[in-house]
């Protein structure tokens, strides 16, 4: 239930990005498939240009049970903050309540 470390997130994003650029695919999963895998998926999407909110929305839409906990959402914000400091982005960091509203939304 703990988030991946920032270095692990960066390594995972780089690894997945390299494979996707070559046309490859990968399955990202953790024990329950709701927290750490969703966190890494969000970071990959942020690395591809989506805002953290849009990334979480996309992950939640693809896997409705994705529900990162507060620590995992904080890790997403931290990783996204590091990303935006070194890349030109047009989004700002979301507030935790915005992320929670998406992450913990019940299935439709």
N, C-alpha and C. Protein backbone atom coordinates (compact mmCIF):
# COMPACT_ATOMS: atom_id res chain seq x y z
N UNK A 1 0.81 -1.20 0.00
CA UNK A 1 0.00 0.00 0.00
C UNK A 1 0.85 1.26 0.00
N UNK A 2 2.15 1.08 -0.01
CA UNK A 2 3.04 2.23 -0.05
C UNK A 2 3.32 2.59 -1.49
N UNK A 3 3.61 3.85 -1.77
CA UNK A 3 3.92 4.23 -3.15
C UNK A 3 5.32 3.76 -3.54
N UNK A 4 5.52 3.66 -4.83
CA UNK A 4 6.87 3.43 -5.33
C UNK A 4 7.72 4.64 -5.01
N UNK A 5 9.01 4.45 -4.83
CA UNK A 5 9.93 5.57 -4.61
C UNK A 5 10.03 6.39 -5.89
N UNK A 6 10.39 7.64 -5.75
CA UNK A 6 10.49 8.52 -6.92
C UNK A 6 11.46 7.97 -7.97
N UNK A 7 12.58 7.43 -7.52
CA UNK A 7 13.55 6.85 -8.46
C UNK A 7 12.95 5.65 -9.19
N UNK A 8 12.14 4.85 -8.48
CA UNK A 8 11.48 3.71 -9.12
C UNK A 8 10.46 4.17 -10.15
N UNK A 9 9.73 5.23 -9.84
CA UNK A 9 8.77 5.76 -10.80
C UNK A 9 9.48 6.25 -12.05
N UNK A 10 10.57 6.98 -11.86
CA UNK A 10 11.33 7.49 -13.01
C UNK A 10 11.88 6.34 -13.84
N UNK A 11 12.43 5.33 -13.18
CA UNK A 11 12.96 4.17 -13.90
C UNK A 11 11.83 3.44 -14.65
N UNK A 12 10.69 3.28 -14.01
CA UNK A 12 9.56 2.62 -14.66
C UNK A 12 9.06 3.39 -15.86
N UNK A 13 8.96 4.71 -15.73
CA UNK A 13 8.52 5.54 -16.86
C UNK A 13 9.50 5.43 -18.01
N UNK A 14 10.77 5.50 -17.73
CA UNK A 14 11.79 5.38 -18.80
C UNK A 14 11.72 4.01 -19.47
N UNK A 15 11.60 2.95 -18.67
CA UNK A 15 11.56 1.60 -19.20
C UNK A 15 10.35 1.42 -20.10
N UNK A 16 9.19 1.83 -19.62
CA UNK A 16 7.97 1.69 -20.40
C UNK A 16 7.98 2.58 -21.64
N UNK A 17 8.46 3.80 -21.51
CA UNK A 17 8.53 4.71 -22.65
C UNK A 17 9.41 4.14 -23.75
N UNK A 18 10.55 3.58 -23.39
CA UNK A 18 11.46 3.00 -24.39
C UNK A 18 10.78 1.87 -25.14
N UNK A 19 10.05 1.04 -24.45
CA UNK A 19 9.36 -0.08 -25.11
C UNK A 19 8.22 0.38 -25.99
N UNK A 20 7.46 1.36 -25.51
CA UNK A 20 6.32 1.86 -26.29
C UNK A 20 6.79 2.58 -27.55
N UNK A 21 7.91 3.28 -27.47
CA UNK A 21 8.44 3.97 -28.65
C UNK A 21 8.84 2.99 -29.74
N UNK A 22 9.18 1.77 -29.34
CA UNK A 22 9.54 0.74 -30.32
C UNK A 22 8.31 -0.08 -30.73
N UNK A 23 7.13 0.35 -30.31
CA UNK A 23 5.92 -0.35 -30.66
C UNK A 23 5.56 -1.48 -29.72
N UNK A 24 6.30 -1.62 -28.63
CA UNK A 24 6.05 -2.69 -27.68
C UNK A 24 4.89 -2.36 -26.75
N UNK A 25 4.51 -3.37 -26.00
CA UNK A 25 3.45 -3.24 -25.02
C UNK A 25 3.94 -3.82 -23.70
N UNK A 26 3.29 -3.44 -22.62
CA UNK A 26 3.65 -3.98 -21.31
C UNK A 26 2.42 -4.01 -20.43
N UNK A 27 2.36 -4.96 -19.56
CA UNK A 27 1.31 -5.03 -18.55
C UNK A 27 1.93 -4.58 -17.24
N UNK A 28 1.34 -3.58 -16.63
CA UNK A 28 1.81 -3.08 -15.34
C UNK A 28 0.78 -3.49 -14.30
N UNK A 29 1.22 -4.23 -13.31
CA UNK A 29 0.30 -4.71 -12.29
C UNK A 29 1.02 -4.79 -10.95
N UNK A 30 0.27 -4.60 -9.90
CA UNK A 30 0.78 -4.78 -8.55
C UNK A 30 -0.10 -5.83 -7.87
N UNK A 31 0.05 -6.02 -6.61
CA UNK A 31 -0.67 -7.10 -5.93
C UNK A 31 -2.18 -7.03 -6.15
N UNK A 32 -2.75 -5.88 -6.00
CA UNK A 32 -4.20 -5.75 -6.14
C UNK A 32 -4.61 -5.00 -7.40
N UNK A 33 -3.68 -4.35 -8.06
CA UNK A 33 -4.00 -3.63 -9.29
C UNK A 33 -4.80 -2.37 -9.08
N UNK A 34 -4.66 -1.75 -7.92
CA UNK A 34 -5.44 -0.54 -7.66
C UNK A 34 -4.60 0.67 -7.26
N UNK A 35 -3.39 0.47 -6.80
CA UNK A 35 -2.60 1.59 -6.27
C UNK A 35 -1.29 1.83 -6.99
N UNK A 36 -0.32 0.96 -6.74
CA UNK A 36 1.02 1.19 -7.31
C UNK A 36 1.03 1.11 -8.82
N UNK A 37 0.30 0.17 -9.39
CA UNK A 37 0.25 0.07 -10.86
C UNK A 37 -0.44 1.30 -11.44
N UNK A 38 -1.51 1.76 -10.78
CA UNK A 38 -2.20 2.97 -11.23
C UNK A 38 -1.28 4.19 -11.13
N UNK A 39 -0.51 4.25 -10.06
CA UNK A 39 0.45 5.34 -9.87
C UNK A 39 1.46 5.37 -11.01
N UNK A 40 2.06 4.22 -11.32
CA UNK A 40 3.04 4.18 -12.40
C UNK A 40 2.38 4.51 -13.73
N UNK A 41 1.18 3.98 -13.96
CA UNK A 41 0.46 4.30 -15.20
C UNK A 41 0.22 5.80 -15.34
N UNK A 42 -0.16 6.44 -14.25
CA UNK A 42 -0.36 7.90 -14.29
C UNK A 42 0.94 8.63 -14.63
N UNK A 43 2.03 8.20 -14.03
CA UNK A 43 3.32 8.85 -14.31
C UNK A 43 3.72 8.67 -15.77
N UNK A 44 3.47 7.50 -16.33
CA UNK A 44 3.76 7.28 -17.76
C UNK A 44 2.94 8.26 -18.60
N UNK A 45 1.67 8.40 -18.27
CA UNK A 45 0.81 9.31 -19.04
C UNK A 45 1.24 10.77 -18.88
N UNK A 46 1.66 11.16 -17.68
CA UNK A 46 2.19 12.51 -17.48
C UNK A 46 3.44 12.69 -18.34
N UNK A 47 4.28 11.67 -18.38
CA UNK A 47 5.48 11.73 -19.22
C UNK A 47 5.16 11.84 -20.70
N UNK A 48 3.97 11.43 -21.08
CA UNK A 48 3.53 11.53 -22.48
C UNK A 48 2.80 12.85 -22.76
N UNK A 49 2.66 13.70 -21.73
CA UNK A 49 2.10 15.02 -21.96
C UNK A 49 0.76 15.30 -21.30
N UNK A 50 0.16 14.35 -20.64
CA UNK A 50 -1.11 14.60 -19.98
C UNK A 50 -0.88 15.26 -18.62
N UNK A 51 -1.87 15.98 -18.17
CA UNK A 51 -1.79 16.55 -16.82
C UNK A 51 -2.02 15.42 -15.83
N UNK A 52 -1.60 15.59 -14.58
CA UNK A 52 -1.86 14.55 -13.59
C UNK A 52 -3.35 14.21 -13.45
N UNK A 53 -4.22 15.22 -13.50
CA UNK A 53 -5.65 14.95 -13.41
C UNK A 53 -6.16 14.15 -14.60
N UNK A 54 -5.73 14.56 -15.80
CA UNK A 54 -6.14 13.82 -17.00
C UNK A 54 -5.59 12.40 -16.99
N UNK A 55 -4.37 12.25 -16.52
CA UNK A 55 -3.76 10.92 -16.46
C UNK A 55 -4.55 10.02 -15.51
N UNK A 56 -4.89 10.53 -14.33
CA UNK A 56 -5.65 9.74 -13.37
C UNK A 56 -7.04 9.43 -13.91
N UNK A 57 -7.64 10.38 -14.56
CA UNK A 57 -8.96 10.16 -15.17
C UNK A 57 -8.89 9.04 -16.22
N UNK A 58 -7.84 9.05 -17.03
CA UNK A 58 -7.68 8.02 -18.05
C UNK A 58 -7.46 6.63 -17.42
N UNK A 59 -6.63 6.57 -16.39
CA UNK A 59 -6.40 5.30 -15.70
C UNK A 59 -7.69 4.82 -15.05
N UNK A 60 -8.41 5.71 -14.40
CA UNK A 60 -9.66 5.33 -13.73
C UNK A 60 -10.69 4.85 -14.76
N UNK A 61 -10.74 5.48 -15.92
CA UNK A 61 -11.67 5.06 -16.97
C UNK A 61 -11.31 3.66 -17.49
N UNK A 62 -10.02 3.42 -17.66
CA UNK A 62 -9.56 2.12 -18.18
C UNK A 62 -9.70 1.01 -17.15
N UNK A 63 -9.54 1.35 -15.87
CA UNK A 63 -9.63 0.34 -14.80
C UNK A 63 -10.35 0.99 -13.63
N UNK A 64 -11.67 0.81 -13.60
CA UNK A 64 -12.49 1.54 -12.63
C UNK A 64 -12.12 1.25 -11.18
N UNK A 65 -11.47 0.09 -10.90
CA UNK A 65 -11.08 -0.21 -9.52
C UNK A 65 -9.78 0.49 -9.10
N UNK A 66 -9.12 1.16 -10.03
CA UNK A 66 -7.91 1.90 -9.68
C UNK A 66 -8.27 2.96 -8.64
N UNK A 67 -7.62 2.90 -7.50
CA UNK A 67 -7.92 3.83 -6.40
C UNK A 67 -6.67 4.10 -5.58
N UNK A 68 -5.70 4.79 -6.13
CA UNK A 68 -4.49 5.07 -5.35
C UNK A 68 -4.85 5.75 -4.03
N UNK A 69 -4.10 5.37 -2.98
CA UNK A 69 -4.35 5.98 -1.68
C UNK A 69 -3.67 7.35 -1.59
N UNK A 70 -3.84 8.02 -0.48
CA UNK A 70 -3.32 9.38 -0.33
C UNK A 70 -1.80 9.43 -0.53
N UNK A 71 -1.07 8.47 0.03
CA UNK A 71 0.39 8.46 -0.14
C UNK A 71 0.77 8.26 -1.61
N UNK A 72 0.03 7.42 -2.30
CA UNK A 72 0.31 7.18 -3.71
C UNK A 72 -0.04 8.40 -4.56
N UNK A 73 -1.13 9.07 -4.23
CA UNK A 73 -1.49 10.30 -4.94
C UNK A 73 -0.46 11.40 -4.67
N UNK A 74 0.03 11.47 -3.45
CA UNK A 74 1.08 12.44 -3.12
C UNK A 74 2.35 12.14 -3.92
N UNK A 75 2.65 10.86 -4.12
CA UNK A 75 3.82 10.47 -4.92
C UNK A 75 3.62 10.89 -6.37
N UNK A 76 2.39 10.80 -6.88
CA UNK A 76 2.10 11.27 -8.24
C UNK A 76 2.36 12.76 -8.35
N UNK A 77 1.87 13.52 -7.39
CA UNK A 77 2.08 14.97 -7.40
C UNK A 77 3.57 15.29 -7.34
N UNK A 78 4.29 14.59 -6.49
CA UNK A 78 5.74 14.83 -6.37
C UNK A 78 6.45 14.50 -7.68
N UNK A 79 6.10 13.37 -8.29
CA UNK A 79 6.75 12.98 -9.54
C UNK A 79 6.40 13.97 -10.65
N UNK A 80 5.12 14.36 -10.71
CA UNK A 80 4.68 15.32 -11.74
C UNK A 80 5.36 16.68 -11.54
N UNK A 81 5.58 17.07 -10.31
CA UNK A 81 6.26 18.33 -10.03
C UNK A 81 7.70 18.27 -10.56
N UNK A 82 8.38 17.17 -10.32
CA UNK A 82 9.73 17.01 -10.85
C UNK A 82 9.74 17.02 -12.37
N UNK A 83 8.73 16.40 -12.97
CA UNK A 83 8.63 16.35 -14.43
C UNK A 83 8.42 17.76 -15.00
N UNK A 84 7.52 18.50 -14.41
CA UNK A 84 7.21 19.83 -14.98
C UNK A 84 8.35 20.82 -14.79
N UNK A 85 9.23 20.56 -13.85
CA UNK A 85 10.38 21.43 -13.66
C UNK A 85 11.40 21.30 -14.79
N UNK A 86 11.36 20.16 -15.48
CA UNK A 86 12.35 19.92 -16.55
C UNK A 86 11.72 19.81 -17.93
N UNK A 87 10.41 19.97 -18.01
CA UNK A 87 9.71 19.88 -19.30
C UNK A 87 8.70 21.01 -19.41
N UNK A 88 8.49 21.47 -20.62
CA UNK A 88 7.50 22.53 -20.85
C UNK A 88 6.10 21.91 -20.80
N UNK A 89 5.34 22.28 -19.80
CA UNK A 89 3.97 21.78 -19.67
C UNK A 89 3.02 22.97 -19.49
N UNK A 90 1.77 22.75 -19.80
CA UNK A 90 0.77 23.82 -19.68
C UNK A 90 -0.23 23.56 -18.57
N UNK A 91 0.12 22.68 -17.65
CA UNK A 91 -0.78 22.37 -16.55
C UNK A 91 -0.11 22.72 -15.23
N UNK A 92 -0.95 22.87 -14.22
CA UNK A 92 -0.43 23.11 -12.87
C UNK A 92 -0.69 21.86 -12.03
N UNK A 93 -0.04 21.80 -10.92
CA UNK A 93 -0.22 20.65 -10.04
C UNK A 93 -1.62 20.68 -9.43
N UNK A 94 -2.26 19.54 -9.38
CA UNK A 94 -3.61 19.50 -8.81
C UNK A 94 -3.58 19.50 -7.28
N UNK A 95 -4.68 19.88 -6.71
CA UNK A 95 -4.86 19.78 -5.26
C UNK A 95 -5.22 18.34 -4.93
N UNK A 96 -4.91 17.91 -3.73
CA UNK A 96 -5.18 16.54 -3.34
C UNK A 96 -6.67 16.21 -3.43
N UNK A 97 -7.53 17.15 -3.06
CA UNK A 97 -8.97 16.86 -3.13
C UNK A 97 -9.44 16.62 -4.56
N UNK A 98 -8.80 17.25 -5.55
CA UNK A 98 -9.15 16.99 -6.95
C UNK A 98 -8.78 15.56 -7.35
N UNK A 99 -7.61 15.12 -6.91
CA UNK A 99 -7.17 13.76 -7.21
C UNK A 99 -8.05 12.73 -6.51
N UNK A 100 -8.35 12.97 -5.24
CA UNK A 100 -9.18 12.05 -4.47
C UNK A 100 -10.57 11.91 -5.10
N UNK A 101 -11.12 13.02 -5.61
CA UNK A 101 -12.44 12.95 -6.23
C UNK A 101 -12.46 11.99 -7.41
N UNK A 102 -11.37 11.89 -8.14
CA UNK A 102 -11.28 10.96 -9.26
C UNK A 102 -10.94 9.56 -8.76
N UNK A 103 -9.89 9.46 -7.94
CA UNK A 103 -9.37 8.15 -7.52
C UNK A 103 -10.39 7.33 -6.74
N UNK A 104 -11.17 7.99 -5.93
CA UNK A 104 -12.09 7.25 -5.05
C UNK A 104 -13.53 7.32 -5.52
N UNK A 105 -13.73 7.76 -6.74
CA UNK A 105 -15.09 7.81 -7.31
C UNK A 105 -15.62 6.40 -7.48
N UNK A 106 -16.86 6.15 -7.08
CA UNK A 106 -17.41 4.80 -7.26
C UNK A 106 -17.63 4.50 -8.74
N UNK A 107 -17.70 3.22 -9.09
CA UNK A 107 -17.95 2.85 -10.49
C UNK A 107 -19.27 3.43 -10.98
N UNK A 108 -19.28 3.74 -12.24
CA UNK A 108 -20.51 4.33 -12.82
C UNK A 108 -21.47 3.26 -13.25
